Amino acid sequence: MPRIALAPDVTALIGPFADKVENRSLLLDKFIFHKSWPVEEDERGRTVKWDDASRWSFMRLADNGGAVLRAEVIKLRRDAEGRNIEPDNRERKLAQAKIAEQLSQISAPGKDIAELRARHTRRFLTLFQNGQSDRGAFLIGKLEGRLAINLADGLIQNANICLDRLLGLPYIPGAAVKGACRHAALEELRQAKGEDRARLFRLVLKIFGATEADFTPPRKAGGGKKEKPAGDLHAYLDLTQPVDLKGAISFLPAWPTDTPQIVVDLTNVHTPAYYGGDKREKIAPGDLAGLAKEAPRPNPFPVVEAGAHFAFSLVLNGMDDDAALLAQAVTWLRTALTVRGLGAKTSAGYGWFSLDDAALQAVKAAAQADADATAKQAAEIAANTARAQAEAERLTAMSPEEREMDALLRLNTEAFALFAKTLAEKTEIQQRAFLRLLIQNKEKRERWKTWKKNKPEIAKIIEEVRSQLGAPALP
């Protein structure tokens, strides 16, 4: 049975299929099966490729991945019990079911990890607002459709996601935020005319910067291919010369302010034979019988579920301190998030946000609550430290006998009686402290009188010790 190739000590720590790993970023970067791997030989020496391994690996990144995989296990085992199935197919499906079942047993990340990430984000926003109040701005966006971010990167094409390396939670890179914002700005620029066109172009250059490549003309490609498109700013050469310029706004990564969910989403290749190279007969989209023969195969990919909140932060980076640039960047970012969307598949409704002042105020209130809780905890730690220090100073000022008396006063009734029964086995300092306490402390004097009356065996031990020490008589 194939498994992820691991050293024996690592296998013992995380499991043969990395099933004990809770960090989804670690799973994504290190423990994703390649499309045609693992490869093994069956009992007859034939090479077997497990083509489902990669999609199963991606399924288990999601919160509902285990349930989806277990459903596949049930289907595979049911198919293996079919009447007309060939023995080879039965063996293959049962073996696949074993792998899928093992992969479904992934350890779910703890909710405290997601809450820690949210607290970190809220803390950052507090520091950001306090330190950059006149140079920065942030928005809170609520995800209204699923977010597919960073799909084109990673080991498997069009099946990736952007996850924090430490906590394994989704975030949106600053480059993606800047790109979406820039596209919104260019769209407004394309529709502008006259002086408004020139004004917006200057703002685009100042806010986002540019390289000479942005001004390149259309380029013809060899081999009969279509010409390469012109740079984004080529149409505006009448307003400027090609220039390399750094933008005045830094777009920071967008981090979640709550506990986002990652779920399994699906896309279908409806005509796999056609796209696989067999183009002799192209099946029409409405030909359901033809599509059924093609056996469409769902391809899973992880996405962030709708409802998550992300904090988008922008800051003037020193290239230009004009507050109007920051205000314009915020305006374009609002358009990008609420109209154009962010990430992949935006035309299908993915990656668009709503901006809600109530959500912004809720984050600020939560950040203040976090700060208050942290301050309270710090005050408690400081008070405990002060008490411990005062106690240490008090004990240091005592004589050894006084310290033993202090310790005896902390004992409950049963422990004090047990100490008395074993008084002969104690050190001389402990014995003298005990006898001194019976004389000086009112409660212990009464305890001594009770022992003399009702516990003569204890009183006898105490008197023998007192006599050996030559201590004063007890009351």
Protein backbone atom coordinates (compact mmCIF):
# COMPACT_ATOMS: atom_id res chain seq x y z
CA MET A 1 0.00 0.00 0.00
CA PRO A 2 1.61 3.32 -1.05
CA ARG A 3 2.22 6.10 1.38
CA ILE A 4 4.04 9.40 1.59
CA ALA A 5 7.81 8.85 1.61
CA LEU A 6 8.99 9.79 5.11
CA ALA A 7 11.88 8.98 7.38
CA PRO A 8 10.94 6.42 10.08
CA ASP A 9 11.19 8.91 12.96
CA VAL A 10 9.02 11.45 11.10
CA THR A 11 6.51 8.73 10.24
CA ALA A 12 6.20 7.82 13.91
CA LEU A 13 5.60 11.47 14.77
CA ILE A 14 3.05 12.50 12.12
CA GLY A 15 1.71 9.19 10.76
CA PRO A 16 2.48 7.44 7.44
CA PHE A 17 0.03 9.68 5.56
CA ALA A 18 0.81 12.80 7.64
CA ASP A 19 -2.59 12.21 9.26
CA LYS A 20 -1.46 13.82 12.55
CA VAL A 21 -0.48 17.12 10.93
CA GLU A 22 -2.81 19.96 11.93
CA ASN A 23 -1.13 22.79 10.00
CA ARG A 24 -2.79 22.91 6.59
CA SER A 25 0.03 24.98 5.13
CA LEU A 26 2.46 22.20 6.01
CA LEU A 27 0.16 19.67 4.35
CA LEU A 28 -0.11 21.86 1.26
CA ASP A 29 3.62 22.50 0.90
CA LYS A 30 5.00 19.10 1.89
CA PHE A 31 2.40 16.34 1.83
CA ILE A 32 0.42 16.67 -1.38
CA PHE A 33 0.56 13.65 -3.69
CA HIS A 34 1.61 14.33 -7.27
CA LYS A 35 -1.04 13.59 -9.89
CA SER A 36 0.52 10.27 -10.97
CA TRP A 37 2.07 9.35 -7.65
CA PRO A 38 2.36 7.14 -5.67
CA VAL A 39 3.24 4.41 -8.15
CA GLU A 40 3.54 0.78 -7.17
CA GLU A 41 3.42 -2.69 -8.65
CA ASP A 42 0.46 -4.94 -8.05
CA GLU A 43 0.63 -8.65 -7.25
CA ARG A 44 1.13 -9.45 -10.93
CA GLY A 45 4.03 -7.04 -11.34
CA ARG A 46 2.02 -4.43 -13.25
CA THR A 47 2.57 -0.71 -12.65
CA VAL A 48 -0.37 0.98 -10.97
CA LYS A 49 -0.80 4.77 -10.75
CA TRP A 50 -3.12 6.32 -8.19
CA ASP A 51 -4.51 9.23 -10.19
CA ASP A 52 -6.95 10.19 -7.43
CA ALA A 53 -4.25 10.72 -4.82
CA SER A 54 -3.64 14.39 -5.63
CA ARG A 55 -7.28 15.45 -5.47
CA TRP A 56 -7.74 13.48 -2.25
CA SER A 57 -4.74 15.34 -0.81
CA PHE A 58 -6.38 18.66 -1.58
CA MET A 59 -9.72 17.55 -0.19
CA ARG A 60 -8.28 17.00 3.25
CA LEU A 61 -7.14 20.64 3.47
CA ALA A 62 -10.78 21.65 3.87
CA ASP A 63 -12.89 21.65 7.02
CA ASN A 64 -15.34 19.29 5.35
CA GLY A 65 -12.64 17.32 3.57
CA GLY A 66 -12.84 14.30 5.84
CA ALA A 67 -16.58 13.92 5.23
CA VAL A 68 -16.14 14.27 1.46
CA LEU A 69 -13.39 11.65 1.45
CA ARG A 70 -15.41 9.24 3.57
CA ALA A 71 -18.24 9.55 1.05
CA GLU A 72 -15.76 8.55 -1.67
CA VAL A 73 -14.68 5.57 0.42
CA ILE A 74 -18.30 4.37 0.61
CA LYS A 75 -18.76 4.81 -3.15
CA LEU A 76 -15.52 2.97 -4.01
CA ARG A 77 -16.42 0.01 -1.80
CA ARG A 78 -19.96 -0.07 -3.18
CA ASP A 79 -18.62 -0.04 -6.74
CA ALA A 80 -16.20 -2.83 -5.86
CA GLU A 81 -19.14 -5.03 -4.88
CA GLY A 82 -20.86 -4.61 -8.24
CA ARG A 83 -21.96 -7.75 -10.05
CA ASN A 84 -20.20 -7.17 -13.35
CA ILE A 85 -16.97 -5.62 -12.13
CA GLU A 86 -13.73 -7.23 -13.28
CA PRO A 87 -11.45 -8.68 -10.56
CA ASP A 88 -8.68 -6.23 -11.41
CA ASN A 89 -11.02 -3.26 -11.04
CA ARG A 90 -12.38 -4.65 -7.78
CA GLU A 91 -8.87 -4.91 -6.32
CA ARG A 92 -7.99 -1.42 -7.52
CA LYS A 93 -11.11 0.19 -6.05
CA LEU A 94 -10.67 -1.55 -2.70
CA ALA A 95 -7.03 -0.44 -2.56
CA GLN A 96 -8.06 3.12 -3.44
CA ALA A 97 -10.70 3.02 -0.71
CA LYS A 98 -8.00 2.17 1.83
CA ILE A 99 -5.92 5.17 0.78
CA ALA A 100 -8.89 7.54 0.74
CA GLU A 101 -9.95 6.33 4.18
CA GLN A 102 -6.45 6.91 5.55
CA LEU A 103 -6.33 10.41 4.07
CA SER A 104 -9.74 11.22 5.54
CA GLN A 105 -8.36 10.82 9.07
CA ILE A 106 -6.52 14.12 9.06
CA SER A 107 -6.28 15.99 12.36
CA ALA A 108 -8.51 19.05 12.27
CA PRO A 109 -6.77 22.29 13.30
CA GLY A 110 -7.87 23.56 16.69
CA LYS A 111 -10.30 26.46 16.86
CA ASP A 112 -7.90 28.24 19.19
CA ILE A 113 -5.45 28.57 16.26
CA ALA A 114 -8.01 30.45 14.17
CA GLU A 115 -8.92 32.67 17.11
CA LEU A 116 -5.22 33.37 17.74
CA ARG A 117 -4.85 34.49 14.11
CA ALA A 118 -7.91 36.75 14.48
CA ARG A 119 -6.52 38.29 17.69
CA HIS A 120 -3.20 38.91 15.97
CA THR A 121 -5.01 40.68 13.12
CA ARG A 122 -7.07 42.80 15.49
CA ARG A 123 -3.94 43.67 17.48
CA PHE A 124 -2.13 44.65 14.29
CA LEU A 125 -5.04 46.88 13.27
CA THR A 126 -4.94 48.62 16.64
CA LEU A 127 -1.21 49.26 16.34
CA PHE A 128 -1.64 50.26 12.70
CA GLN A 129 -4.37 52.76 13.53
CA ASN A 130 -2.45 54.23 16.47
CA GLY A 131 0.85 54.44 14.60
CA GLN A 132 -0.37 55.33 11.09
CA SER A 133 -3.57 57.25 11.77
CA ASP A 134 -2.71 60.00 9.26
CA ARG A 135 -0.80 57.82 6.79
CA GLY A 136 -2.82 54.62 6.62
CA ALA A 137 -6.35 53.31 6.19
CA PHE A 138 -8.02 49.95 6.47
CA LEU A 139 -11.30 48.40 5.39
CA ILE A 140 -13.12 45.32 6.67
CA GLY A 141 -14.62 43.26 3.89
CA LYS A 142 -17.13 40.47 4.36
CA LEU A 143 -16.74 37.69 1.81
CA GLU A 144 -20.09 37.34 0.03
CA GLY A 145 -19.01 34.55 -2.34
CA ARG A 146 -16.41 31.86 -1.96
CA LEU A 147 -12.79 33.00 -2.38
CA ALA A 148 -10.44 31.12 -4.73
CA ILE A 149 -7.03 32.67 -4.14
CA ASN A 150 -3.67 31.53 -5.54
CA LEU A 151 -5.20 28.68 -7.60
CA ALA A 152 -2.57 28.92 -10.33
CA ASP A 153 0.37 28.38 -7.97
CA GLY A 154 1.59 25.22 -6.30
CA LEU A 155 2.20 21.61 -7.14
CA ILE A 156 -1.11 20.85 -8.85
CA GLN A 157 -2.38 23.26 -11.51
CA ASN A 158 -5.51 25.24 -10.62
CA ALA A 159 -5.93 23.58 -7.23
CA ASN A 160 -3.94 25.72 -4.81
CA ILE A 161 -4.79 28.12 -1.99
CA CYS A 162 -2.87 30.81 -0.13
CA LEU A 163 -2.25 29.79 3.49
CA ASP A 164 -0.31 31.36 6.33
CA ARG A 165 2.91 29.36 6.86
CA LEU A 166 2.72 29.38 10.67
CA LEU A 167 -0.96 28.90 11.42
CA GLY A 168 -2.20 27.35 8.17
CA LEU A 169 -5.07 29.83 7.73
CA PRO A 170 -6.07 31.61 4.51
CA TYR A 171 -4.96 35.15 3.74
CA ILE A 172 -4.82 37.41 0.67
CA PRO A 173 -1.33 38.53 -0.45
CA GLY A 174 -0.71 42.25 -0.74
CA ALA A 175 0.22 41.80 -4.41
CA ALA A 176 -3.23 40.35 -5.10
CA VAL A 177 -4.91 43.27 -3.32
CA LYS A 178 -2.80 45.77 -5.27
CA GLY A 179 -3.51 44.00 -8.56
CA ALA A 180 -7.27 44.03 -8.05
CA CYS A 181 -7.17 47.67 -6.99
CA ARG A 182 -5.03 48.61 -10.02
CA HIS A 183 -7.44 46.85 -12.39
CA ALA A 184 -10.32 48.86 -10.94
CA ALA A 185 -8.30 52.05 -11.44
CA LEU A 186 -7.41 51.18 -15.06
CA GLU A 187 -11.04 50.43 -15.84
CA GLU A 188 -12.06 53.89 -14.62
CA LEU A 189 -9.15 55.38 -16.55
CA ARG A 190 -10.25 53.68 -19.79
CA GLN A 191 -13.66 55.29 -19.53
CA ALA A 192 -12.34 58.79 -18.71
CA LYS A 193 -11.87 61.54 -21.27
CA GLY A 194 -10.17 64.90 -21.56
CA GLU A 195 -8.67 66.49 -18.48
CA ASP A 196 -10.26 63.88 -16.23
CA ARG A 197 -8.33 61.23 -18.18
CA ALA A 198 -5.03 63.04 -17.63
CA ARG A 199 -5.79 63.58 -13.92
CA LEU A 200 -6.63 59.91 -13.30
CA PHE A 201 -3.55 58.80 -15.22
CA ARG A 202 -1.31 60.89 -12.95
CA LEU A 203 -2.99 59.34 -9.92
CA VAL A 204 -2.49 55.82 -11.30
CA LEU A 205 1.22 56.47 -11.81
CA LYS A 206 1.68 57.98 -8.36
CA ILE A 207 -0.34 55.36 -6.47
CA PHE A 208 0.70 52.16 -8.22
CA GLY A 209 3.95 53.10 -9.91
CA ALA A 210 5.00 51.74 -13.31
CA THR A 211 7.78 50.08 -15.27
CA GLU A 212 8.79 50.66 -18.85
CA ALA A 213 7.26 47.27 -19.69
CA ASP A 214 3.83 48.75 -18.92
CA PHE A 215 4.23 51.00 -21.99
CA THR A 216 5.35 48.35 -24.51
CA PRO A 217 3.41 48.15 -27.82
CA PRO A 218 1.74 44.95 -29.08
CA ARG A 219 4.38 42.37 -30.02
CA LYS A 220 4.11 39.78 -32.74
CA ALA A 221 4.85 36.22 -31.66
CA GLY A 222 6.53 33.72 -33.94
CA GLY A 223 5.09 30.47 -35.23
CA GLY A 224 1.82 31.94 -36.38
CA LYS A 225 0.69 32.69 -32.85
CA LYS A 226 -1.43 35.66 -31.93
CA GLU A 227 0.39 38.87 -31.12
CA LYS A 228 1.17 39.58 -27.51
CA PRO A 229 -0.95 42.37 -26.01
CA ALA A 230 0.41 45.81 -25.29
CA GLY A 231 1.35 46.93 -21.80
CA ASP A 232 -1.43 48.25 -19.58
CA LEU A 233 -0.29 51.86 -20.01
CA HIS A 234 0.65 51.82 -23.71
CA ALA A 235 -2.55 53.62 -24.67
CA TYR A 236 -1.51 56.63 -22.55
CA LEU A 237 1.86 57.40 -24.15
CA ASP A 238 0.39 60.72 -25.26
CA LEU A 239 0.34 61.72 -21.58
CA THR A 240 3.86 60.70 -20.58
CA GLN A 241 7.04 58.90 -21.56
CA PRO A 242 7.84 55.32 -20.45
CA VAL A 243 9.09 55.51 -16.90
CA ASP A 244 10.16 53.34 -13.98
CA LEU A 245 8.39 54.69 -10.91
CA LYS A 246 7.68 53.27 -7.46
CA GLY A 247 4.12 53.68 -6.21
CA ALA A 248 3.33 55.79 -3.15
CA ILE A 249 0.93 53.26 -1.57
CA SER A 250 1.91 49.94 0.03
CA PHE A 251 -0.83 47.31 -0.04
CA LEU A 252 -0.48 44.99 2.95
CA PRO A 253 -1.70 41.36 3.06
CA ALA A 254 -5.35 41.00 4.05
CA TRP A 255 -5.69 38.83 7.15
CA PRO A 256 -8.88 37.30 8.55
CA THR A 257 -10.45 39.02 11.55
CA ASP A 258 -12.55 35.98 12.48
CA THR A 259 -12.33 32.22 11.95
CA PRO A 260 -12.62 31.51 8.19
CA GLN A 261 -13.59 28.08 6.91
CA ILE A 262 -11.88 26.23 4.06
CA VAL A 263 -14.22 23.99 2.08
CA VAL A 264 -14.02 21.70 -0.94
CA ASP A 265 -15.25 23.21 -4.19
CA LEU A 266 -15.56 21.41 -7.53
CA THR A 267 -15.07 22.13 -11.21
CA ASN A 268 -15.92 19.76 -14.04
CA VAL A 269 -14.09 18.97 -17.27
CA HIS A 270 -17.21 18.17 -19.29
CA THR A 271 -15.42 16.75 -22.31
CA PRO A 272 -12.22 15.12 -21.03
CA ALA A 273 -11.64 13.07 -24.20
CA TYR A 274 -11.78 16.19 -26.36
CA TYR A 275 -9.46 18.19 -24.14
CA GLY A 276 -7.22 15.15 -23.78
CA GLY A 277 -6.46 15.24 -27.50
CA ASP A 278 -9.26 13.24 -29.14
CA LYS A 279 -10.83 16.04 -31.22
CA ARG A 280 -12.41 13.89 -33.89
CA GLU A 281 -15.85 14.50 -32.51
CA LYS A 282 -16.55 17.57 -30.42
CA ILE A 283 -19.58 17.10 -28.18
CA ALA A 284 -22.02 19.98 -28.13
CA PRO A 285 -22.77 21.50 -24.69
CA GLY A 286 -26.43 20.43 -24.90
CA ASP A 287 -25.71 16.84 -25.95
CA LEU A 288 -26.46 15.15 -22.61
CA ALA A 289 -26.08 11.63 -24.04
CA GLY A 290 -22.68 12.53 -25.43
CA LEU A 291 -21.62 14.13 -22.16
CA ALA A 292 -22.67 11.01 -20.28
CA LYS A 293 -20.37 8.94 -22.47
CA GLU A 294 -17.51 11.31 -21.72
CA ALA A 295 -17.90 10.58 -17.97
CA PRO A 296 -17.31 14.11 -16.59
CA ARG A 297 -14.93 13.98 -13.68
CA PRO A 298 -15.14 16.56 -10.86
CA ASN A 299 -11.87 18.21 -9.89
CA PRO A 300 -11.78 19.52 -6.30
CA PHE A 301 -9.99 22.62 -5.14
CA PRO A 302 -9.96 24.34 -1.73
CA VAL A 303 -11.70 27.69 -1.29
CA VAL A 304 -12.50 30.05 1.59
CA GLU A 305 -16.18 29.81 2.47
CA ALA A 306 -18.40 32.88 2.21
CA GLY A 307 -18.97 34.85 5.40
CA ALA A 308 -15.34 35.34 6.43
CA HIS A 309 -14.10 38.85 7.23
CA PHE A 310 -10.74 40.19 6.03
CA ALA A 311 -8.91 43.39 6.95
CA PHE A 312 -7.45 45.32 4.00
CA SER A 313 -4.73 47.82 4.96
CA LEU A 314 -3.10 50.56 2.87
CA VAL A 315 -0.32 52.93 3.94
CA LEU A 316 1.64 55.81 2.41
CA ASN A 317 5.19 54.51 2.06
CA GLY A 318 7.07 57.83 1.89
CA MET A 319 7.34 58.23 -1.87
CA ASP A 320 4.63 60.87 -1.68
CA ASP A 321 2.84 61.96 1.51
CA ASP A 322 -0.21 63.45 -0.20
CA ALA A 323 -3.28 62.24 1.74
CA ALA A 324 -5.36 62.55 -1.44
CA LEU A 325 -3.46 59.59 -2.90
CA LEU A 326 -4.47 57.44 0.05
CA ALA A 327 -8.10 58.53 -0.25
CA GLN A 328 -8.17 57.72 -3.98
CA ALA A 329 -6.53 54.31 -3.38
CA VAL A 330 -9.22 53.51 -0.80
CA THR A 331 -11.92 54.48 -3.31
CA TRP A 332 -10.49 52.17 -5.96
CA LEU A 333 -10.06 49.38 -3.43
CA ARG A 334 -13.73 49.68 -2.49
CA THR A 335 -14.63 49.33 -6.16
CA ALA A 336 -12.28 46.38 -6.59
CA LEU A 337 -13.76 44.48 -3.64
CA THR A 338 -17.43 45.22 -4.19
CA VAL A 339 -17.68 45.35 -8.00
CA ARG A 340 -14.78 43.51 -9.64
CA GLY A 341 -13.96 40.87 -7.02
CA LEU A 342 -10.64 39.41 -5.96
CA GLY A 343 -8.92 36.13 -6.81
CA ALA A 344 -9.95 33.57 -9.42
CA LYS A 345 -13.37 32.90 -10.99
CA THR A 346 -14.71 36.37 -10.20
CA SER A 347 -16.96 36.25 -13.29
CA ALA A 348 -18.66 33.22 -11.69
CA GLY A 349 -19.38 35.09 -8.45
CA TYR A 350 -16.27 34.19 -6.49
CA GLY A 351 -14.20 36.64 -4.46
CA TRP A 352 -16.47 39.63 -4.08
CA PHE A 353 -16.93 41.46 -0.79
CA SER A 354 -19.32 43.79 0.95
CA LEU A 355 -17.99 46.64 3.09
CA ASP A 356 -19.89 47.28 6.29
CA ASP A 357 -19.12 50.04 8.79
CA ALA A 358 -20.79 47.91 11.46
CA ALA A 359 -18.24 45.16 10.81
CA LEU A 360 -15.46 47.75 11.07
CA GLN A 361 -16.79 48.98 14.40
CA ALA A 362 -17.15 45.37 15.60
CA VAL A 363 -13.49 44.72 14.82
CA LYS A 364 -12.46 47.87 16.63
CA ALA A 365 -14.57 46.86 19.64
CA ALA A 366 -13.07 43.36 19.58
CA ALA A 367 -9.57 44.83 19.34
CA GLN A 368 -10.31 47.04 22.36
CA ALA A 369 -11.65 44.00 24.25
CA ASP A 370 -8.47 42.10 23.37
CA ALA A 371 -6.38 45.04 24.60
CA ASP A 372 -8.38 45.28 27.84
CA ALA A 373 -8.02 41.53 28.44
CA THR A 374 -4.28 41.75 27.79
CA ALA A 375 -3.95 44.72 30.15
CA LYS A 376 -5.95 42.89 32.82
CA GLN A 377 -3.79 39.80 32.45
CA ALA A 378 -0.64 41.94 32.64
CA ALA A 379 -1.95 43.66 35.78
CA GLU A 380 -2.69 40.29 37.40
CA ILE A 381 0.78 39.02 36.55
CA ALA A 382 2.33 42.20 37.97
CA ALA A 383 0.25 41.91 41.15
CA ASN A 384 1.19 38.24 41.59
CA THR A 385 4.83 39.08 41.02
CA ALA A 386 4.66 41.88 43.59
CA ARG A 387 2.99 39.58 46.12
CA ALA A 388 5.57 36.88 45.52
CA GLN A 389 8.39 39.39 45.93
CA ALA A 390 6.88 40.78 49.13
CA GLU A 391 6.44 37.24 50.46
CA ALA A 392 10.04 36.39 49.63
CA GLU A 393 11.24 39.54 51.41
CA ARG A 394 9.08 38.71 54.44
CA LEU A 395 10.47 35.18 54.67
CA THR A 396 14.02 36.45 54.21
CA ALA A 397 13.60 38.75 57.21
CA MET A 398 12.52 35.82 59.44
CA SER A 399 14.74 33.52 61.44
CA PRO A 400 14.74 29.81 60.44
CA GLU A 401 12.50 28.99 63.42
CA GLU A 402 10.04 31.75 62.48
CA ARG A 403 9.87 30.45 58.90
CA GLU A 404 9.00 26.98 60.20
CA MET A 405 6.29 28.50 62.42
CA ASP A 406 4.88 30.30 59.40
CA ALA A 407 4.79 27.04 57.44
CA LEU A 408 3.03 25.25 60.32
CA LEU A 409 0.33 27.92 60.46
CA ARG A 410 -0.53 27.12 56.82
CA LEU A 411 -1.31 23.46 57.62
CA ASN A 412 -4.92 22.37 57.99
CA THR A 413 -6.14 20.55 61.12
CA GLU A 414 -5.37 17.02 59.83
CA ALA A 415 -1.92 17.94 58.56
CA PHE A 416 -1.06 19.73 61.84
CA ALA A 417 -2.12 16.65 63.84
CA LEU A 418 -0.02 14.38 61.61
CA PHE A 419 2.95 16.69 62.14
CA ALA A 420 2.46 16.34 65.90
CA LYS A 421 2.37 12.52 65.69
CA THR A 422 5.71 12.51 63.83
CA LEU A 423 7.27 15.35 65.86
CA ALA A 424 10.08 13.13 67.12
CA GLU A 425 11.25 12.57 63.52
CA LYS A 426 11.48 16.29 62.70
CA THR A 427 14.54 18.52 62.83
CA GLU A 428 15.32 20.43 66.00
CA ILE A 429 14.32 23.73 64.38
CA GLN A 430 10.95 22.27 63.36
CA GLN A 431 10.41 20.86 66.87
CA ARG A 432 11.18 24.17 68.59
CA ALA A 433 8.95 26.04 66.12
CA PHE A 434 6.09 23.61 66.86
CA LEU A 435 6.45 23.95 70.66
CA ARG A 436 6.74 27.71 70.43
CA LEU A 437 3.56 27.82 68.40
CA LEU A 438 1.67 25.85 71.07
CA ILE A 439 2.58 28.57 73.55
CA GLN A 440 2.20 31.76 71.46
CA ASN A 441 -0.77 31.01 69.17
CA LYS A 442 -4.19 30.98 70.81
CA GLU A 443 -5.72 28.49 68.38
CA LYS A 444 -2.80 26.07 68.74
CA ARG A 445 -2.90 26.39 72.56
CA GLU A 446 -6.53 25.27 72.47
CA ARG A 447 -5.56 22.42 70.14
CA TRP A 448 -2.87 21.34 72.68
CA LYS A 449 -5.41 21.34 75.52
CA THR A 450 -7.79 19.19 73.41
CA TRP A 451 -4.98 16.70 72.73
CA LYS A 452 -4.11 16.46 76.42
CA LYS A 453 -7.71 15.64 77.20
CA ASN A 454 -8.75 13.46 74.23
CA LYS A 455 -5.50 12.36 72.53
CA PRO A 456 -3.07 11.42 75.28
CA GLU A 457 -0.86 9.49 72.83
CA ILE A 458 -0.16 12.72 70.89
CA ALA A 459 0.34 14.71 74.09
CA LYS A 460 2.87 12.11 75.30
CA ILE A 461 4.97 12.46 72.10
CA ILE A 462 4.98 16.24 72.41
CA GLU A 463 6.00 16.18 76.08
CA GLU A 464 8.84 13.76 75.41
CA VAL A 465 10.23 16.02 72.68
CA ARG A 466 9.87 19.12 74.88
CA SER A 467 11.69 17.40 77.74
CA GLN A 468 14.58 16.33 75.44
CA LEU A 469 14.97 19.89 74.17
CA GLY A 470 14.69 21.45 77.62
CA ALA A 471 12.00 23.80 76.26
CA PRO A 472 9.66 25.81 78.51
CA ALA A 473 6.62 23.97 79.93
CA LEU A 474 3.48 24.02 77.88
CA PRO A 475 0.28 25.58 79.28
